[in-house]
N, C-alpha and C. Protein backbone atom coordinates (compact mmCIF):
# COMPACT_ATOMS: atom_id res chain seq x y z
N MET A 1 1.23 -0.97 -0.10
CA MET A 1 -0.35 0.02 0.00
C MET A 1 0.88 1.65 0.36
N THR A 2 0.52 2.33 -0.89
CA THR A 2 1.08 3.45 -1.11
C THR A 2 0.82 4.32 0.11
N THR A 3 1.34 5.13 0.84
CA THR A 3 1.27 5.94 1.89
C THR A 3 1.55 7.62 1.36
N VAL A 4 1.23 8.73 2.04
CA VAL A 4 1.77 10.24 1.99
C VAL A 4 2.10 10.27 2.74
N ALA A 5 3.81 10.81 2.53
CA ALA A 5 4.18 11.78 3.53
C ALA A 5 4.20 13.71 2.81
N VAL A 6 4.11 13.90 4.30
CA VAL A 6 4.42 15.47 4.84
C VAL A 6 5.36 15.89 5.34
N LEU A 7 6.55 16.69 4.35
CA LEU A 7 7.66 16.98 4.24
C LEU A 7 8.07 18.04 4.57
N GLY A 8 8.66 19.39 5.94
CA GLY A 8 8.44 20.58 6.07
C GLY A 8 8.37 20.82 7.53
N GLU A 9 8.50 22.35 7.56
CA GLU A 9 7.95 22.52 9.07
C GLU A 9 6.92 22.22 9.63
N PRO A 10 7.03 21.81 11.16
CA PRO A 10 6.32 20.99 11.83
C PRO A 10 5.07 21.42 12.22
N VAL A 11 5.46 23.29 11.88
CA VAL A 11 4.02 24.22 12.27
C VAL A 11 3.79 24.07 11.32
N ARG A 12 3.77 24.02 9.75
CA ARG A 12 3.10 23.50 9.04
C ARG A 12 2.71 22.10 8.69
N THR A 13 2.93 21.71 9.07
CA THR A 13 2.73 20.39 8.51
C THR A 13 1.81 18.75 9.56
N SER A 14 1.64 19.69 10.77
CA SER A 14 1.24 18.87 12.10
C SER A 14 -0.26 18.52 11.61
N GLY A 15 -1.13 19.30 11.30
CA GLY A 15 -2.66 18.74 11.18
C GLY A 15 -2.18 17.35 10.09
N TYR A 16 -1.75 17.21 8.97
CA TYR A 16 -2.06 16.34 8.33
C TYR A 16 -1.83 14.79 9.36
N GLY A 17 -0.98 14.97 9.84
CA GLY A 17 -0.99 13.32 10.95
C GLY A 17 -1.99 13.04 11.15
N LEU A 18 -3.51 14.14 11.04
CA LEU A 18 -4.62 13.94 12.15
C LEU A 18 -5.51 12.74 10.59
N ALA A 19 -4.84 13.28 9.74
CA ALA A 19 -5.61 12.58 8.28
C ALA A 19 -4.64 11.07 8.35
N GLY A 20 -3.80 10.67 8.74
CA GLY A 20 -3.18 9.91 8.33
C GLY A 20 -1.91 9.65 7.54
N ALA A 21 -0.87 11.05 7.31
CA ALA A 21 0.10 11.00 6.68
C ALA A 21 0.96 11.07 7.36
N GLN A 22 2.68 10.50 7.09
CA GLN A 22 3.52 10.53 7.42
C GLN A 22 4.32 11.30 7.76
N LEU A 23 4.80 12.12 9.02
CA LEU A 23 5.15 13.54 9.31
C LEU A 23 7.02 13.24 9.22
N LEU A 24 7.40 14.24 8.53
CA LEU A 24 9.05 14.22 8.39
C LEU A 24 8.84 15.67 8.40
N ALA A 25 9.08 15.90 10.38
CA ALA A 25 9.69 17.55 10.33
C ALA A 25 11.12 17.76 9.95
N ALA A 26 11.03 19.03 8.88
CA ALA A 26 12.65 19.79 9.15
C ALA A 26 12.61 20.83 8.91
N THR A 27 13.50 21.50 9.58
CA THR A 27 13.45 23.05 9.44
C THR A 27 14.63 23.97 8.73
N THR A 28 15.47 23.32 8.69
CA THR A 28 16.38 23.49 7.83
C THR A 28 17.07 22.81 6.55
N PRO A 29 17.10 23.80 5.80
CA PRO A 29 17.63 23.06 3.94
C PRO A 29 18.26 21.15 4.13
N ASP A 30 19.26 21.75 5.04
CA ASP A 30 20.20 19.83 5.38
C ASP A 30 19.12 19.10 5.62
N GLU A 31 17.87 19.17 6.70
CA GLU A 31 17.28 18.45 7.20
C GLU A 31 16.99 17.73 6.17
N VAL A 32 15.93 18.96 4.98
CA VAL A 32 14.57 18.73 4.25
C VAL A 32 15.39 17.52 2.95
N ARG A 33 16.93 18.05 2.89
CA ARG A 33 17.58 17.04 1.60
C ARG A 33 17.87 15.39 2.87
N ARG A 34 17.88 15.29 4.32
CA ARG A 34 18.29 14.07 4.82
C ARG A 34 17.06 13.19 4.68
N CYS A 35 16.12 14.15 5.14
CA CYS A 35 14.37 13.30 5.23
C CYS A 35 14.14 12.98 3.80
N TRP A 36 14.52 13.95 2.58
CA TRP A 36 14.21 13.25 1.03
C TRP A 36 14.97 12.31 0.48
N HIS A 37 16.55 11.79 1.53
CA HIS A 37 16.47 10.74 1.05
C HIS A 37 16.51 9.73 1.40
N GLU A 38 15.88 9.68 2.40
CA GLU A 38 15.56 8.83 3.92
C GLU A 38 14.21 8.18 3.23
N LEU A 39 13.01 9.01 2.58
CA LEU A 39 12.07 8.59 2.10
C LEU A 39 12.01 6.88 2.48
N PRO A 40 10.94 6.55 3.00
CA PRO A 40 10.54 5.17 3.12
C PRO A 40 9.72 4.71 1.71
N ALA A 41 10.26 3.26 1.72
CA ALA A 41 9.92 2.55 0.25
C ALA A 41 8.08 2.79 -0.32
N ASP A 42 7.65 2.76 0.71
CA ASP A 42 6.24 2.85 0.84
C ASP A 42 5.42 4.38 0.93
N VAL A 43 6.52 4.77 0.33
CA VAL A 43 5.71 6.72 0.14
C VAL A 43 5.21 6.51 -1.21
N GLY A 44 4.21 7.09 -1.34
CA GLY A 44 4.61 7.10 -3.38
C GLY A 44 3.43 8.92 -3.50
N VAL A 45 3.38 9.56 -2.21
CA VAL A 45 2.97 11.10 -2.94
C VAL A 45 3.87 11.93 -1.67
N VAL A 46 4.66 12.91 -2.06
CA VAL A 46 4.79 13.92 -0.89
C VAL A 46 4.34 15.07 -0.76
N LEU A 47 3.83 15.44 0.40
CA LEU A 47 3.18 16.98 0.43
C LEU A 47 4.41 17.59 0.90
N LEU A 48 5.25 18.87 0.28
CA LEU A 48 5.86 20.10 0.55
C LEU A 48 5.65 21.53 0.91
N THR A 49 6.15 21.74 1.87
CA THR A 49 5.78 23.19 2.19
C THR A 49 6.72 23.86 1.16
N PRO A 50 6.30 25.16 1.11
CA PRO A 50 7.10 26.02 -0.49
C PRO A 50 8.26 26.00 -0.09
N ALA A 51 8.49 25.76 1.57
CA ALA A 51 10.60 26.14 1.70
C ALA A 51 10.91 24.62 1.59
N ALA A 52 10.40 23.83 2.01
CA ALA A 52 11.10 22.53 1.90
C ALA A 52 11.36 21.95 0.21
N ALA A 53 10.14 22.53 -0.24
CA ALA A 53 10.53 22.59 -1.97
C ALA A 53 11.84 23.59 -2.68
N ASP A 54 11.83 24.10 -2.09
CA ASP A 54 12.88 25.15 -2.32
C ASP A 54 14.00 24.41 -2.13
N ALA A 55 14.14 24.02 -0.69
CA ALA A 55 15.26 23.24 -0.43
C ALA A 55 15.50 22.06 -1.25
N LEU A 56 14.83 21.74 -1.57
CA LEU A 56 14.50 20.36 -2.64
C LEU A 56 15.43 20.68 -3.95
N GLY A 57 14.56 22.15 -4.49
CA GLY A 57 15.12 22.33 -5.99
C GLY A 57 14.03 21.89 -7.16
N ARG A 58 13.79 22.10 -8.02
CA ARG A 58 13.30 22.14 -9.19
C ARG A 58 13.55 21.08 -9.74
N GLN A 59 15.03 20.52 -10.06
CA GLN A 59 15.20 19.46 -10.92
C GLN A 59 14.70 18.13 -9.67
N VAL A 60 15.33 18.44 -8.80
CA VAL A 60 15.08 17.12 -7.88
C VAL A 60 13.54 17.10 -8.09
N LEU A 61 12.57 17.79 -7.70
CA LEU A 61 11.21 17.29 -7.88
C LEU A 61 11.03 16.73 -9.21
N GLU A 62 11.18 17.45 -10.13
CA GLU A 62 10.58 16.60 -11.41
C GLU A 62 11.37 15.75 -11.58
N SER A 63 12.39 14.65 -11.17
CA SER A 63 12.91 13.89 -11.35
C SER A 63 12.90 12.44 -10.46
N ALA A 64 11.89 13.03 -9.36
CA ALA A 64 11.44 12.21 -8.64
C ALA A 64 10.90 11.20 -9.24
N ALA A 65 11.09 10.23 -8.33
CA ALA A 65 9.69 8.57 -8.36
C ALA A 65 8.61 9.00 -7.91
N VAL A 66 8.33 9.60 -6.90
CA VAL A 66 7.44 9.96 -6.50
C VAL A 66 6.62 10.96 -7.03
N LEU A 67 4.93 11.42 -6.64
CA LEU A 67 4.49 12.11 -6.82
C LEU A 67 4.43 13.51 -5.60
N THR A 68 5.30 14.48 -6.10
CA THR A 68 5.03 15.38 -5.06
C THR A 68 4.10 16.93 -5.42
N VAL A 69 3.97 17.51 -4.38
CA VAL A 69 2.82 18.30 -4.33
C VAL A 69 3.90 19.69 -3.47
N VAL A 70 3.45 20.89 -3.77
CA VAL A 70 3.66 21.59 -3.26
C VAL A 70 3.12 22.74 -2.52
N LEU A 71 2.61 22.56 -1.20
CA LEU A 71 1.14 23.59 -0.57
C LEU A 71 1.78 24.55 -0.79
N PRO A 72 0.48 25.49 -0.87
CA PRO A 72 0.26 26.70 -0.95
C PRO A 72 1.21 27.66 0.34
N PRO A 73 1.42 28.58 -0.03
CA PRO A 73 1.84 29.45 0.92
C PRO A 73 1.34 29.68 2.36
C-alpha cells in the first residue's frame, strides 16, 4: 500500500498527521534533504511546504519517482 508523507516545518505539517500522513519534520535545508533521501519505500506521494520544495530544488522534484505536491504559502 502506498502512503502519503508530508515534509517540512512542523508548524505547517502537523495537522496532516490527523489524516494519517507520515510526518517528516524538517526545519533546515539540510534536514529537508536528509529526509528526502531517507523516504520510506512505501511513500508514493509527498506534500512539501514551500520552504522544503525550495530546499530540494525544481530538478530534484521533477525527476522524483514519487508524486510531489507543493502546499500553498
